């Protein structure tokens, strides 16, 4: 099948030939996209409805080479490769580090060494985690977002986390984590590596959480992940 020349949908280039191609594929999947060759409100609504099957926040836009276009063509893009499936909280520490963006992993390795040198016993609970796990955490009230920096991945589904949750394995989230000075030490060492620390957040103190970039970058990371 020919590729798109430009984007189709909300804010897209919406060239007539591209719109027609997307509409044809949408109809084949049971969605009614509206007037042929015209990207109208019905077309955008159909794109969003289609995206809802694999995206947490449908944006109504189909872009060449991106996940929505690949899904529309029937490709199994973004499926987690077999070696990365299963409960990521149970993975060995090295595998959790491997599930992170390399720059993030390097900073976390230093962070772990610094905390160990201070007498703590740091343990990564999560590096990468799936969108499905994130959705459950959101439903349970344990996260404020449906997509987080933990869920970042490459377009082929390979984990590429921008975040990590790091506890002291003796205390986890128990009061001793604070009274022992662990949370304070985690924040200090995270800042020393140029990481964002969830303990600084006023609205929701996520004590164990560190991430590579500011919260304002979340939409960009989500887009790059094809979600």
C-alpha atoms as a PDB file:
ATOM      1  CA  UNK A   1       0.000   0.000   0.000  1.00  0.00           C
ATOM      2  CA  UNK A   2       1.315   3.506  -0.827  1.00  0.00           C
ATOM      3  CA  UNK A   3       2.478   5.595   2.104  1.00  0.00           C
ATOM      4  CA  UNK A   4       0.862   8.857   3.085  1.00  0.00           C
ATOM      5  CA  UNK A   5       2.289  12.054   1.630  1.00  0.00           C
ATOM      6  CA  UNK A   6       1.290  14.023   4.706  1.00  0.00           C
ATOM      7  CA  UNK A   7      -0.665  13.874   7.929  1.00  0.00           C
ATOM      8  CA  UNK A   8      -4.434  13.401   8.016  1.00  0.00           C
ATOM      9  CA  UNK A   9      -6.831  14.528  10.717  1.00  0.00           C
ATOM     10  CA  UNK A  10      -6.804  17.151  13.455  1.00  0.00           C
ATOM     11  CA  UNK A  11      -4.251  19.787  12.452  1.00  0.00           C
ATOM     12  CA  UNK A  12      -2.973  17.655   9.552  1.00  0.00           C
ATOM     13  CA  UNK A  13      -2.026  18.634   5.996  1.00  0.00           C
ATOM     14  CA  UNK A  14      -5.109  16.748   4.793  1.00  0.00           C
ATOM     15  CA  UNK A  15      -4.207  16.335   1.137  1.00  0.00           C
ATOM     16  CA  UNK A  16      -7.226  14.909  -0.675  1.00  0.00           C
ATOM     17  CA  UNK A  17      -5.486  11.699  -1.819  1.00  0.00           C
ATOM     18  CA  UNK A  18      -4.200  11.023   1.695  1.00  0.00           C
ATOM     19  CA  UNK A  19      -7.589  11.706   3.243  1.00  0.00           C
ATOM     20  CA  UNK A  20      -9.240   9.304   0.827  1.00  0.00           C
ATOM     21  CA  UNK A  21      -6.685   6.597   1.622  1.00  0.00           C
ATOM     22  CA  UNK A  22      -7.226   6.968   5.376  1.00  0.00           C
ATOM     23  CA  UNK A  23     -11.002   7.041   4.977  1.00  0.00           C
ATOM     24  CA  UNK A  24     -10.931   3.865   2.908  1.00  0.00           C
ATOM     25  CA  UNK A  25      -8.942   2.054   5.583  1.00  0.00           C
ATOM     26  CA  UNK A  26     -11.189   3.373   8.341  1.00  0.00           C
ATOM     27  CA  UNK A  27     -14.291   2.126   6.520  1.00  0.00           C
ATOM     28  CA  UNK A  28     -12.654  -1.268   6.183  1.00  0.00           C
ATOM     29  CA  UNK A  29     -12.392  -1.356   9.971  1.00  0.00           C
ATOM     30  CA  UNK A  30     -16.021  -0.421  10.498  1.00  0.00           C
ATOM     31  CA  UNK A  31     -15.692   3.332  11.053  1.00  0.00           C
ATOM     32  CA  UNK A  32     -17.644   5.913   9.034  1.00  0.00           C
ATOM     33  CA  UNK A  33     -15.317   8.819   8.191  1.00  0.00           C
ATOM     34  CA  UNK A  34     -17.715  11.141   6.368  1.00  0.00           C
ATOM     35  CA  UNK A  35     -17.311  12.928   3.050  1.00  0.00           C
ATOM     36  CA  UNK A  36     -14.840  11.245   0.685  1.00  0.00           C
ATOM     37  CA  UNK A  37     -11.596  13.170   0.253  1.00  0.00           C
ATOM     38  CA  UNK A  38     -12.557  15.782   2.835  1.00  0.00           C
ATOM     39  CA  UNK A  39     -11.189  15.758   6.379  1.00  0.00           C
ATOM     40  CA  UNK A  40     -14.309  16.908   8.171  1.00  0.00           C
ATOM     41  CA  UNK A  41     -15.496  16.493  11.764  1.00  0.00           C
ATOM     42  CA  UNK A  42     -16.780  12.995  10.992  1.00  0.00           C
ATOM     43  CA  UNK A  43     -13.358  11.940   9.685  1.00  0.00           C
ATOM     44  CA  UNK A  44     -11.577  13.244  12.764  1.00  0.00           C
ATOM     45  CA  UNK A  45     -14.144  11.555  15.016  1.00  0.00           C
ATOM     46  CA  UNK A  46     -13.604   8.267  13.156  1.00  0.00           C
ATOM     47  CA  UNK A  47      -9.825   8.579  13.580  1.00  0.00           C
ATOM     48  CA  UNK A  48     -10.218   9.196  17.313  1.00  0.00           C
ATOM     49  CA  UNK A  49     -12.580   6.251  17.666  1.00  0.00           C
ATOM     50  CA  UNK A  50     -10.086   4.034  15.855  1.00  0.00           C
ATOM     51  CA  UNK A  51      -7.162   5.276  17.968  1.00  0.00           C
ATOM     52  CA  UNK A  52      -9.077   4.615  21.188  1.00  0.00           C
ATOM     53  CA  UNK A  53      -8.421   0.939  20.609  1.00  0.00           C
ATOM     54  CA  UNK A  54      -4.663   1.324  21.238  1.00  0.00           C
ATOM     55  CA  UNK A  55      -4.005   4.852  22.566  1.00  0.00           C
ATOM     56  CA  UNK A  56      -4.705   6.285  25.991  1.00  0.00           C
ATOM     57  CA  UNK A  57      -5.262   9.795  24.576  1.00  0.00           C
ATOM     58  CA  UNK A  58      -6.421   9.717  20.923  1.00  0.00           C
ATOM     59  CA  UNK A  59      -5.317  12.883  19.114  1.00  0.00           C
ATOM     60  CA  UNK A  60      -7.323  12.491  15.896  1.00  0.00           C
ATOM     61  CA  UNK A  61      -4.197  12.633  13.728  1.00  0.00           C
ATOM     62  CA  UNK A  62      -2.691  10.016  11.385  1.00  0.00           C
ATOM     63  CA  UNK A  63       0.943  10.710  10.475  1.00  0.00           C
ATOM     64  CA  UNK A  64       3.204   8.889   7.989  1.00  0.00           C
ATOM     65  CA  UNK A  65       5.405   6.342   9.736  1.00  0.00           C
ATOM     66  CA  UNK A  66       3.780   6.817  13.117  1.00  0.00           C
ATOM     67  CA  UNK A  67       1.946   4.268  15.188  1.00  0.00           C
ATOM     68  CA  UNK A  68      -1.607   5.188  14.161  1.00  0.00           C
ATOM     69  CA  UNK A  69      -0.770   4.832  10.468  1.00  0.00           C
ATOM     70  CA  UNK A  70       0.943   1.520  11.080  1.00  0.00           C
ATOM     71  CA  UNK A  71      -2.001   0.217  13.083  1.00  0.00           C
ATOM     72  CA  UNK A  72      -4.389   1.386  10.382  1.00  0.00           C
ATOM     73  CA  UNK A  73      -2.447  -0.677   7.867  1.00  0.00           C
ATOM     74  CA  UNK A  74      -2.848  -3.697  10.107  1.00  0.00           C
ATOM     75  CA  UNK A  75       0.734  -3.940  11.311  1.00  0.00           C
ATOM     76  CA  UNK A  76       1.405  -5.141  14.858  1.00  0.00           C
ATOM     77  CA  UNK A  77       3.444  -2.070  15.649  1.00  0.00           C
ATOM     78  CA  UNK A  78       4.146  -1.173  19.243  1.00  0.00           C
ATOM     79  CA  UNK A  79       3.495  -4.662  20.602  1.00  0.00           C
ATOM     80  CA  UNK A  80       5.929  -5.392  23.396  1.00  0.00           C
ATOM     81  CA  UNK A  81       8.645  -7.821  22.196  1.00  0.00           C
ATOM     82  CA  UNK A  82       8.555 -11.193  23.943  1.00  0.00           C
ATOM     83  CA  UNK A  83      11.693 -10.567  25.999  1.00  0.00           C
ATOM     84  CA  UNK A  84      10.066  -7.507  27.581  1.00  0.00           C
ATOM     85  CA  UNK A  85       6.742  -9.056  28.506  1.00  0.00           C
ATOM     86  CA  UNK A  86       5.657 -10.076  31.984  1.00  0.00           C
ATOM     87  CA  UNK A  87       5.583  -8.176  35.277  1.00  0.00           C
ATOM     88  CA  UNK A  88       8.324  -5.574  34.895  1.00  0.00           C
ATOM     89  CA  UNK A  89       8.394  -4.960  38.665  1.00  0.00           C
ATOM     90  CA  UNK A  90       9.742  -8.504  39.047  1.00  0.00           C
ATOM     91  CA  UNK A  91      12.571  -8.150  36.524  1.00  0.00           C
ATOM     92  CA  UNK A  92      16.202  -8.278  37.741  1.00  0.00           C
ATOM     93  CA  UNK A  93      17.747  -4.888  38.451  1.00  0.00           C
ATOM     94  CA  UNK A  94      19.959  -5.026  35.353  1.00  0.00           C
ATOM     95  CA  UNK A  95      16.957  -5.685  33.140  1.00  0.00           C
ATOM     96  CA  UNK A  96      15.114  -2.751  34.689  1.00  0.00           C
ATOM     97  CA  UNK A  97      18.106  -0.568  33.876  1.00  0.00           C
ATOM     98  CA  UNK A  98      18.136  -1.917  30.323  1.00  0.00           C
ATOM     99  CA  UNK A  99      14.473  -0.929  29.987  1.00  0.00           C
ATOM    100  CA  UNK A 100      15.390   2.746  30.415  1.00  0.00           C
ATOM    101  CA  UNK A 101      16.584   5.323  27.928  1.00  0.00           C
ATOM    102  CA  UNK A 102      20.412   4.943  28.030  1.00  0.00           C
ATOM    103  CA  UNK A 103      20.946   8.462  29.401  1.00  0.00           C
ATOM    104  CA  UNK A 104      18.449   7.739  32.175  1.00  0.00           C
ATOM    105  CA  UNK A 105      20.009   4.361  32.957  1.00  0.00           C
ATOM    106  CA  UNK A 106      23.461   5.920  33.299  1.00  0.00           C
ATOM    107  CA  UNK A 107      22.193   8.491  35.782  1.00  0.00           C
ATOM    108  CA  UNK A 108      20.291   5.870  37.778  1.00  0.00           C
ATOM    109  CA  UNK A 109      23.390   3.662  38.029  1.00  0.00           C
ATOM    110  CA  UNK A 110      25.295   6.571  39.578  1.00  0.00           C
ATOM    111  CA  UNK A 111      22.335   7.345  41.823  1.00  0.00           C
ATOM    112  CA  UNK A 112      22.247   3.749  43.112  1.00  0.00           C
ATOM    113  CA  UNK A 113      25.985   3.836  43.843  1.00  0.00           C
ATOM    114  CA  UNK A 114      25.674   7.147  45.697  1.00  0.00           C
ATOM    115  CA  UNK A 115      22.812   5.877  47.851  1.00  0.00           C
ATOM    116  CA  UNK A 116      24.663   2.648  48.620  1.00  0.00           C
ATOM    117  CA  UNK A 117      27.721   4.648  49.685  1.00  0.00           C
ATOM    118  CA  UNK A 118      25.482   6.497  52.138  1.00  0.00           C
ATOM    119  CA  UNK A 119      24.466   3.229  53.794  1.00  0.00           C
ATOM    120  CA  UNK A 120      21.133   2.685  52.073  1.00  0.00           C
ATOM    121  CA  UNK A 121      19.981  -0.377  50.159  1.00  0.00           C
ATOM    122  CA  UNK A 122      18.379   1.080  46.998  1.00  0.00           C
ATOM    123  CA  UNK A 123      16.207  -1.079  44.783  1.00  0.00           C
ATOM    124  CA  UNK A 124      14.514  -0.191  41.505  1.00  0.00           C
ATOM    125  CA  UNK A 125      10.842  -1.149  41.644  1.00  0.00           C
ATOM    126  CA  UNK A 126       9.983   0.055  38.147  1.00  0.00           C
ATOM    127  CA  UNK A 127      12.002   1.276  35.239  1.00  0.00           C
ATOM    128  CA  UNK A 128       9.687   0.730  32.290  1.00  0.00           C
ATOM    129  CA  UNK A 129       6.129  -0.434  32.758  1.00  0.00           C
ATOM    130  CA  UNK A 130       3.368  -1.041  30.243  1.00  0.00           C
ATOM    131  CA  UNK A 131       0.514   1.310  29.409  1.00  0.00           C
ATOM    132  CA  UNK A 132      -1.882  -1.373  30.705  1.00  0.00           C
ATOM    133  CA  UNK A 133      -0.184  -1.387  34.111  1.00  0.00           C
ATOM    134  CA  UNK A 134      -0.229   2.412  34.110  1.00  0.00           C
ATOM    135  CA  UNK A 135      -3.972   2.401  33.400  1.00  0.00           C
ATOM    136  CA  UNK A 136      -4.542   0.101  36.381  1.00  0.00           C
ATOM    137  CA  UNK A 137      -2.447   2.326  38.654  1.00  0.00           C
ATOM    138  CA  UNK A 138      -4.503   5.303  37.504  1.00  0.00           C
ATOM    139  CA  UNK A 139      -7.757   3.426  38.150  1.00  0.00           C
ATOM    140  CA  UNK A 140      -6.525   2.472  41.628  1.00  0.00           C
ATOM    141  CA  UNK A 141      -5.673   6.085  42.446  1.00  0.00           C
ATOM    142  CA  UNK A 142      -1.947   5.320  42.688  1.00  0.00           C
ATOM    143  CA  UNK A 143      -1.049   7.589  39.767  1.00  0.00           C
ATOM    144  CA  UNK A 144      -2.408  10.911  38.583  1.00  0.00           C
ATOM    145  CA  UNK A 145      -1.771  10.251  34.880  1.00  0.00           C
ATOM    146  CA  UNK A 146      -2.861   7.675  32.319  1.00  0.00           C
ATOM    147  CA  UNK A 147       0.522   7.852  30.582  1.00  0.00           C
ATOM    148  CA  UNK A 148       3.770   8.445  32.421  1.00  0.00           C
ATOM    149  CA  UNK A 149       7.454   8.668  31.634  1.00  0.00           C
ATOM    150  CA  UNK A 150       7.683   5.024  32.751  1.00  0.00           C
ATOM    151  CA  UNK A 151       5.631   4.009  29.671  1.00  0.00           C
ATOM    152  CA  UNK A 152       7.924   5.499  27.032  1.00  0.00           C
ATOM    153  CA  UNK A 153       8.965   3.049  24.334  1.00  0.00           C
ATOM    154  CA  UNK A 154      10.390   2.914  20.840  1.00  0.00           C
ATOM    155  CA  UNK A 155       7.984   2.512  17.930  1.00  0.00           C
ATOM    156  CA  UNK A 156       8.790  -1.199  17.755  1.00  0.00           C
ATOM    157  CA  UNK A 157       7.593  -1.611  21.351  1.00  0.00           C
ATOM    158  CA  UNK A 158      11.029  -1.785  22.980  1.00  0.00           C
ATOM    159  CA  UNK A 159      10.975  -0.198  26.474  1.00  0.00           C
ATOM    160  CA  UNK A 160      12.626   3.232  26.651  1.00  0.00           C
ATOM    161  CA  UNK A 161      11.656   4.542  30.086  1.00  0.00           C
ATOM    162  CA  UNK A 162      12.452   8.095  31.140  1.00  0.00           C
ATOM    163  CA  UNK A 163      11.658   7.277  34.790  1.00  0.00           C
ATOM    164  CA  UNK A 164      12.415   4.963  37.697  1.00  0.00           C
ATOM    165  CA  UNK A 165      10.886   4.257  41.091  1.00  0.00           C
ATOM    166  CA  UNK A 166      13.630   3.572  43.630  1.00  0.00           C
ATOM    167  CA  UNK A 167      13.034   2.454  47.212  1.00  0.00           C
ATOM    168  CA  UNK A 168      15.242   1.250  50.040  1.00  0.00           C
ATOM    169  CA  UNK A 169      14.446  -2.463  50.015  1.00  0.00           C
ATOM    170  CA  UNK A 170      14.307  -2.534  53.818  1.00  0.00           C
ATOM    171  CA  UNK A 171      11.608   0.110  54.090  1.00  0.00           C
ATOM    172  CA  UNK A 172       9.748   0.355  50.758  1.00  0.00           C
ATOM    173  CA  UNK A 173       7.130   3.098  51.359  1.00  0.00           C
ATOM    174  CA  UNK A 174       6.843   2.512  55.127  1.00  0.00           C
ATOM    175  CA  UNK A 175       7.357   5.466  57.548  1.00  0.00           C
ATOM    176  CA  UNK A 176      10.946   4.334  58.160  1.00  0.00           C
ATOM    177  CA  UNK A 177      11.796   5.416  54.611  1.00  0.00           C
ATOM    178  CA  UNK A 178      11.295   8.995  55.792  1.00  0.00           C
ATOM    179  CA  UNK A 179      12.562   8.732  59.360  1.00  0.00           C
ATOM    180  CA  UNK A 180      15.746   6.972  58.198  1.00  0.00           C
ATOM    181  CA  UNK A 181      16.465   9.877  55.866  1.00  0.00           C
ATOM    182  CA  UNK A 182      16.165   7.746  52.743  1.00  0.00           C
ATOM    183  CA  UNK A 183      13.678   9.943  50.872  1.00  0.00           C
ATOM    184  CA  UNK A 184      15.766  13.028  51.641  1.00  0.00           C
ATOM    185  CA  UNK A 185      18.912  11.271  50.399  1.00  0.00           C
ATOM    186  CA  UNK A 186      17.143  10.095  47.245  1.00  0.00           C
ATOM    187  CA  UNK A 187      16.063  13.651  46.491  1.00  0.00           C
ATOM    188  CA  UNK A 188      19.548  15.039  47.079  1.00  0.00           C
ATOM    189  CA  UNK A 189      21.242  12.461  44.893  1.00  0.00           C
ATOM    190  CA  UNK A 190      18.576  12.783  42.175  1.00  0.00           C
ATOM    191  CA  UNK A 191      19.147  16.524  42.065  1.00  0.00           C
ATOM    192  CA  UNK A 192      22.880  15.863  41.908  1.00  0.00           C
ATOM    193  CA  UNK A 193      22.337  13.867  38.707  1.00  0.00           C
ATOM    194  CA  UNK A 194      20.076  16.538  37.209  1.00  0.00           C
ATOM    195  CA  UNK A 195      16.986  14.351  37.610  1.00  0.00           C
ATOM    196  CA  UNK A 196      13.479  15.455  38.525  1.00  0.00           C
ATOM    197  CA  UNK A 197      12.395  14.054  41.908  1.00  0.00           C
ATOM    198  CA  UNK A 198       8.741  13.304  42.632  1.00  0.00           C
ATOM    199  CA  UNK A 199       9.187  14.253  46.275  1.00  0.00           C
ATOM    200  CA  UNK A 200       9.363  17.901  45.178  1.00  0.00           C
ATOM    201  CA  UNK A 201       5.868  17.878  43.719  1.00  0.00           C
ATOM    202  CA  UNK A 202       3.384  19.787  45.817  1.00  0.00           C
ATOM    203  CA  UNK A 203       0.147  18.256  44.543  1.00  0.00           C
ATOM    204  CA  UNK A 204       1.226  14.604  44.725  1.00  0.00           C
ATOM    205  CA  UNK A 205       4.403  13.584  46.546  1.00  0.00           C
ATOM    206  CA  UNK A 206       5.786  10.632  44.584  1.00  0.00           C
ATOM    207  CA  UNK A 207       8.700   9.966  46.924  1.00  0.00           C
ATOM    208  CA  UNK A 208      10.317   7.044  45.104  1.00  0.00           C
ATOM    209  CA  UNK A 209      10.028   8.558  41.634  1.00  0.00           C
ATOM    210  CA  UNK A 210      12.824  10.112  39.570  1.00  0.00           C
ATOM    211  CA  UNK A 211      12.657  11.107  35.898  1.00  0.00           C
ATOM    212  CA  UNK A 212      14.934  12.435  33.220  1.00  0.00           C
ATOM    213  CA  UNK A 213      12.995  15.488  32.025  1.00  0.00           C
ATOM    214  CA  UNK A 214      10.406  17.947  33.331  1.00  0.00           C
ATOM    215  CA  UNK A 215       6.690  17.142  33.353  1.00  0.00           C
ATOM    216  CA  UNK A 216       6.140  19.560  30.488  1.00  0.00           C
ATOM    217  CA  UNK A 217       7.942  17.118  28.202  1.00  0.00           C
ATOM    218  CA  UNK A 218       5.378  14.344  28.699  1.00  0.00           C
ATOM    219  CA  UNK A 219       3.362  15.080  25.539  1.00  0.00           C
ATOM    220  CA  UNK A 220       6.524  14.990  23.430  1.00  0.00           C
ATOM    221  CA  UNK A 221       7.664  11.679  24.922  1.00  0.00           C
ATOM    222  CA  UNK A 222       4.206  10.213  24.461  1.00  0.00           C
ATOM    223  CA  UNK A 223       4.166  11.302  20.821  1.00  0.00           C
ATOM    224  CA  UNK A 224       7.602   9.811  20.210  1.00  0.00           C
ATOM    225  CA  UNK A 225       6.349   6.555  21.725  1.00  0.00           C
ATOM    226  CA  UNK A 226       3.531   6.453  19.168  1.00  0.00           C
ATOM    227  CA  UNK A 227       0.876   6.633  21.886  1.00  0.00           C
END
